[in-house]
C-alpha atoms as a PDB file:
ATOM      1  CA  MET A   1      -8.432  16.500   6.172  1.00  0.00           C
ATOM      2  CA  ARG A   2     -10.700  15.485   9.004  1.00  0.00           C
ATOM      3  CA  THR A   3     -11.812  11.987   9.886  1.00  0.00           C
ATOM      4  CA  SER A   4     -15.163  11.191   8.294  1.00  0.00           C
ATOM      5  CA  LEU A   5     -17.653   8.387   8.803  1.00  0.00           C
ATOM      6  CA  GLU A   6     -16.209   6.643   5.749  1.00  0.00           C
ATOM      7  CA  CYS A   7     -12.832   6.497   7.500  1.00  0.00           C
ATOM      8  CA  LEU A   8     -14.262   4.032  10.013  1.00  0.00           C
ATOM      9  CA  GLY A   9     -14.719   1.406   7.292  1.00  0.00           C
ATOM     10  CA  CYS A  10     -11.115   1.865   6.181  1.00  0.00           C
ATOM     11  CA  MET A  11      -9.956   1.598   9.784  1.00  0.00           C
ATOM     12  CA  ILE A  12     -11.712  -1.765  10.164  1.00  0.00           C
ATOM     13  CA  ASN A  13     -10.417  -2.984   6.770  1.00  0.00           C
ATOM     14  CA  GLN A  14      -6.919  -2.017   7.876  1.00  0.00           C
ATOM     15  CA  ALA A  15      -7.404  -4.041  11.059  1.00  0.00           C
ATOM     16  CA  ILE A  16      -8.634  -7.046   9.072  1.00  0.00           C
ATOM     17  CA  ARG A  17      -5.672  -6.913   6.664  1.00  0.00           C
ATOM     18  CA  ALA A  18      -3.171  -6.436   9.488  1.00  0.00           C
ATOM     19  CA  ALA A  19      -4.743  -9.318  11.424  1.00  0.00           C
ATOM     20  CA  GLN A  20      -4.491 -11.610   8.401  1.00  0.00           C
ATOM     21  CA  VAL A  21      -0.897 -10.616   7.672  1.00  0.00           C
ATOM     22  CA  THR A  22       0.140 -10.963  11.297  1.00  0.00           C
ATOM     23  CA  SER A  23      -1.511 -14.198  12.298  1.00  0.00           C
ATOM     24  CA  GLY A  24      -2.923 -17.305  10.676  1.00  0.00           C
ATOM     25  CA  ASP A  25      -4.879 -17.989  13.860  1.00  0.00           C
ATOM     26  CA  ARG A  26      -8.550 -17.141  13.267  1.00  0.00           C
ATOM     27  CA  ASP A  27      -9.117 -16.473  16.995  1.00  0.00           C
ATOM     28  CA  VAL A  28      -6.290 -13.913  17.066  1.00  0.00           C
ATOM     29  CA  GLN A  29      -7.620 -12.287  13.887  1.00  0.00           C
ATOM     30  CA  GLN A  30     -11.104 -12.016  15.380  1.00  0.00           C
ATOM     31  CA  ARG A  31      -9.722 -10.577  18.626  1.00  0.00           C
ATOM     32  CA  ILE A  32      -7.843  -7.888  16.664  1.00  0.00           C
ATOM     33  CA  VAL A  33     -10.946  -6.959  14.671  1.00  0.00           C
ATOM     34  CA  ARG A  34     -13.147  -6.891  17.795  1.00  0.00           C
ATOM     35  CA  HIS A  35     -10.683  -4.572  19.529  1.00  0.00           C
ATOM     36  CA  ALA A  36     -10.516  -2.369  16.421  1.00  0.00           C
ATOM     37  CA  LEU A  37     -14.306  -2.150  16.381  1.00  0.00           C
ATOM     38  CA  ALA A  38     -14.218  -1.099  20.035  1.00  0.00           C
ATOM     39  CA  GLU A  39     -11.634   1.577  19.149  1.00  0.00           C
ATOM     40  CA  THR A  40     -14.046   3.171  16.667  1.00  0.00           C
ATOM     41  CA  VAL A  41     -16.037   4.467  19.650  1.00  0.00           C
ATOM     42  CA  HIS A  42     -13.047   6.649  20.584  1.00  0.00           C
ATOM     43  CA  VAL A  43     -12.339   8.083  17.118  1.00  0.00           C
ATOM     44  CA  ASP A  44     -12.027  11.853  17.188  1.00  0.00           C
ATOM     45  CA  PHE A  45     -13.730  13.131  14.046  1.00  0.00           C
ATOM     46  CA  ALA A  46     -11.844  16.415  14.377  1.00  0.00           C
ATOM     47  CA  SER A  47      -8.501  14.600  13.999  1.00  0.00           C
ATOM     48  CA  GLN A  48      -6.786  13.397  10.848  1.00  0.00           C
ATOM     49  CA  PRO A  49      -7.528   9.846   9.636  1.00  0.00           C
ATOM     50  CA  VAL A  50      -3.891   8.821  10.090  1.00  0.00           C
ATOM     51  CA  THR A  51      -4.413   9.121  13.864  1.00  0.00           C
ATOM     52  CA  ALA A  52      -6.994   6.324  13.786  1.00  0.00           C
ATOM     53  CA  GLY A  53      -4.688   4.273  11.557  1.00  0.00           C
ATOM     54  CA  ARG A  54      -1.893   4.577  14.099  1.00  0.00           C
ATOM     55  CA  ARG A  55      -4.249   3.357  16.818  1.00  0.00           C
ATOM     56  CA  VAL A  56      -5.056   0.261  14.751  1.00  0.00           C
ATOM     57  CA  GLN A  57      -1.373  -0.486  14.132  1.00  0.00           C
ATOM     58  CA  ARG A  58      -0.540  -0.083  17.839  1.00  0.00           C
ATOM     59  CA  LEU A  59      -3.437  -2.383  18.668  1.00  0.00           C
ATOM     60  CA  VAL A  60      -2.165  -5.064  16.259  1.00  0.00           C
ATOM     61  CA  ARG A  61       1.365  -4.825  17.668  1.00  0.00           C
ATOM     62  CA  ARG A  62       0.077  -5.037  21.252  1.00  0.00           C
ATOM     63  CA  LEU A  63      -2.225  -8.023  20.629  1.00  0.00           C
ATOM     64  CA  THR A  64       0.217 -10.054  18.538  1.00  0.00           C
ATOM     65  CA  GLY A  65       3.604  -9.007  19.877  1.00  0.00           C
ATOM     66  CA  ASN A  66       4.654  -8.532  16.245  1.00  0.00           C
ATOM     67  CA  HIS A  67       6.225  -5.083  15.971  1.00  0.00           C
ATOM     68  CA  ASP A  68       6.587  -5.195  12.181  1.00  0.00           C
ATOM     69  CA  PRO A  69       3.619  -7.108  10.745  1.00  0.00           C
ATOM     70  CA  TYR A  70       4.386  -5.973   7.192  1.00  0.00           C
ATOM     71  CA  ARG A  71       8.053  -7.001   7.253  1.00  0.00           C
ATOM     72  CA  GLY A  72       7.630  -9.931   4.875  1.00  0.00           C
ATOM     73  CA  LEU A  73       5.541  -7.873   2.485  1.00  0.00           C
ATOM     74  CA  LYS A  74       8.082  -5.040   2.530  1.00  0.00           C
ATOM     75  CA  GLN A  75      10.876  -7.507   1.787  1.00  0.00           C
ATOM     76  CA  ARG A  76       8.905  -8.989  -1.134  1.00  0.00           C
ATOM     77  CA  SER A  77       8.059  -5.594  -2.617  1.00  0.00           C
ATOM     78  CA  THR A  78      11.664  -4.401  -2.252  1.00  0.00           C
ATOM     79  CA  ALA A  79      12.928  -7.549  -3.982  1.00  0.00           C
ATOM     80  CA  LEU A  80      10.383  -6.992  -6.766  1.00  0.00           C
ATOM     81  CA  ALA A  81      11.415  -3.357  -7.201  1.00  0.00           C
ATOM     82  CA  LEU A  82      15.087  -4.311  -7.338  1.00  0.00           C
ATOM     83  CA  ARG A  83      14.302  -7.019  -9.906  1.00  0.00           C
ATOM     84  CA  LEU A  84      12.418  -4.515 -12.109  1.00  0.00           C
ATOM     85  CA  LEU A  85      14.890  -1.655 -11.630  1.00  0.00           C
ATOM     86  CA  PRO A  86      17.346  -2.406 -14.472  1.00  0.00           C
ATOM     87  CA  GLU A  87      14.535  -2.818 -17.017  1.00  0.00           C
ATOM     88  CA  LEU A  88      12.693   0.295 -15.846  1.00  0.00           C
ATOM     89  CA  ARG A  89      15.901   2.325 -15.791  1.00  0.00           C
ATOM     90  CA  ARG A  90      16.640   1.363 -19.423  1.00  0.00           C
ATOM     91  CA  LYS A  91      13.100   2.226 -20.541  1.00  0.00           C
ATOM     92  CA  VAL A  92      13.045   5.547 -18.710  1.00  0.00           C
ATOM     93  CA  LEU A  93      16.429   6.579 -20.078  1.00  0.00           C
ATOM     94  CA  ALA A  94      15.407   5.571 -23.616  1.00  0.00           C
ATOM     95  CA  SER A  95      12.159   7.526 -23.391  1.00  0.00           C
ATOM     96  CA  PRO A  96      11.815  10.792 -25.351  1.00  0.00           C
ATOM     97  CA  MET A  97      10.724  12.334 -22.026  1.00  0.00           C
ATOM     98  CA  PRO A  98      12.753  10.551 -19.314  1.00  0.00           C
ATOM     99  CA  ILE A  99      11.557  12.767 -16.465  1.00  0.00           C
ATOM    100  CA  GLY A 100       7.904  12.238 -17.403  1.00  0.00           C
ATOM    101  CA  ALA A 101       8.449   8.498 -17.732  1.00  0.00           C
ATOM    102  CA  ALA A 102      10.211   8.352 -14.349  1.00  0.00           C
ATOM    103  CA  LEU A 103       7.407  10.289 -12.671  1.00  0.00           C
ATOM    104  CA  SER A 104       4.804   8.043 -14.240  1.00  0.00           C
ATOM    105  CA  VAL A 105       6.615   4.909 -13.048  1.00  0.00           C
ATOM    106  CA  GLY A 106       7.006   6.424  -9.592  1.00  0.00           C
ATOM    107  CA  GLN A 107       3.275   6.981  -9.293  1.00  0.00           C
ATOM    108  CA  VAL A 108       2.581   3.328  -9.953  1.00  0.00           C
ATOM    109  CA  ILE A 109       5.506   1.748  -8.136  1.00  0.00           C
ATOM    110  CA  ALA A 110       4.357   3.201  -4.810  1.00  0.00           C
ATOM    111  CA  MET A 111       2.094   0.173  -4.760  1.00  0.00           C
ATOM    112  CA  PRO A 112      -0.506  -0.625  -2.127  1.00  0.00           C
ATOM    113  CA  THR A 113       0.673  -2.859   0.687  1.00  0.00           C
ATOM    114  CA  ASP A 114      -2.181  -5.312   0.413  1.00  0.00           C
ATOM    115  CA  LEU A 115      -1.532  -6.795  -3.027  1.00  0.00           C
ATOM    116  CA  SER A 116      -1.566 -10.570  -3.309  1.00  0.00           C
ATOM    117  CA  ASP A 117       0.928 -12.440  -5.496  1.00  0.00           C
ATOM    118  CA  LEU A 118      -1.728 -12.757  -8.197  1.00  0.00           C
ATOM    119  CA  GLU A 119      -2.466  -9.028  -8.074  1.00  0.00           C
ATOM    120  CA  LEU A 120       1.260  -8.296  -8.318  1.00  0.00           C
ATOM    121  CA  THR A 121       1.484 -10.263 -11.556  1.00  0.00           C
ATOM    122  CA  ILE A 122      -1.266  -8.014 -12.923  1.00  0.00           C
ATOM    123  CA  TYR A 123       0.352  -4.876 -11.477  1.00  0.00           C
ATOM    124  CA  ILE A 124       3.855  -5.428 -12.918  1.00  0.00           C
ATOM    125  CA  PRO A 125       2.798  -4.907 -16.568  1.00  0.00           C
ATOM    126  CA  GLU A 126       1.239  -1.572 -15.532  1.00  0.00           C
ATOM    127  CA  ILE A 127       4.568  -0.503 -14.035  1.00  0.00           C
ATOM    128  CA  ARG A 128       6.363  -1.553 -17.223  1.00  0.00           C
ATOM    129  CA  HIS A 129       3.800   0.250 -19.374  1.00  0.00           C
ATOM    130  CA  ARG A 130       4.264   3.457 -17.390  1.00  0.00           C
ATOM    131  CA  ALA A 131       7.947   3.469 -18.311  1.00  0.00           C
ATOM    132  CA  ARG A 132       6.859   4.171 -21.919  1.00  0.00           C
ATOM    133  CA  PRO A 133       4.928   7.441 -22.116  1.00  0.00           C
ATOM    134  CA  ALA A 134       2.098   7.581 -24.633  1.00  0.00           C
ATOM    135  CA  ALA A 135       2.898   9.097 -28.034  1.00  0.00           C
ATOM    136  CA  HIS A 136       0.900  12.279 -27.337  1.00  0.00           C
ATOM    137  CA  VAL A 137       2.882  12.803 -24.105  1.00  0.00           C
ATOM    138  CA  ALA A 138       6.191  12.235 -25.921  1.00  0.00           C
ATOM    139  CA  ARG A 139       5.242  14.896 -28.497  1.00  0.00           C
ATOM    140  CA  GLY A 140       4.293  17.333 -25.746  1.00  0.00           C
ATOM    141  CA  VAL A 141       0.595  17.373 -26.661  1.00  0.00           C
ATOM    142  CA  SER A 142      -1.860  17.187 -23.786  1.00  0.00           C
END
């Protein structure tokens, strides 16, 4: 996949989210976003989008001195996954199609990194629901 024009918007959104996660200081956030906007001039459209994403993350680390801006979020999501694990394990093992249920849960549990606490409370029921495959899936009908 090559970098497209649409990737530039995602790159700036990534910078905004990283700035907000990393610093509560509005001036620092604005400086990060301004630098990210300046970086868009250097985007190589022949490269993969992940290359631009790496540039944004390096920029955030350089401007804030925070080498793991998502540490708190990763800790929260890990704690959430560990809290849900026993329940999900029971549901998957009790499912008529445990492998299908596990795959379905896995698709959802790889959650986005920018979910707020409110969004997580909405997201958790979806994870729980995925542990119970629909009746037509359980019967092998597609």
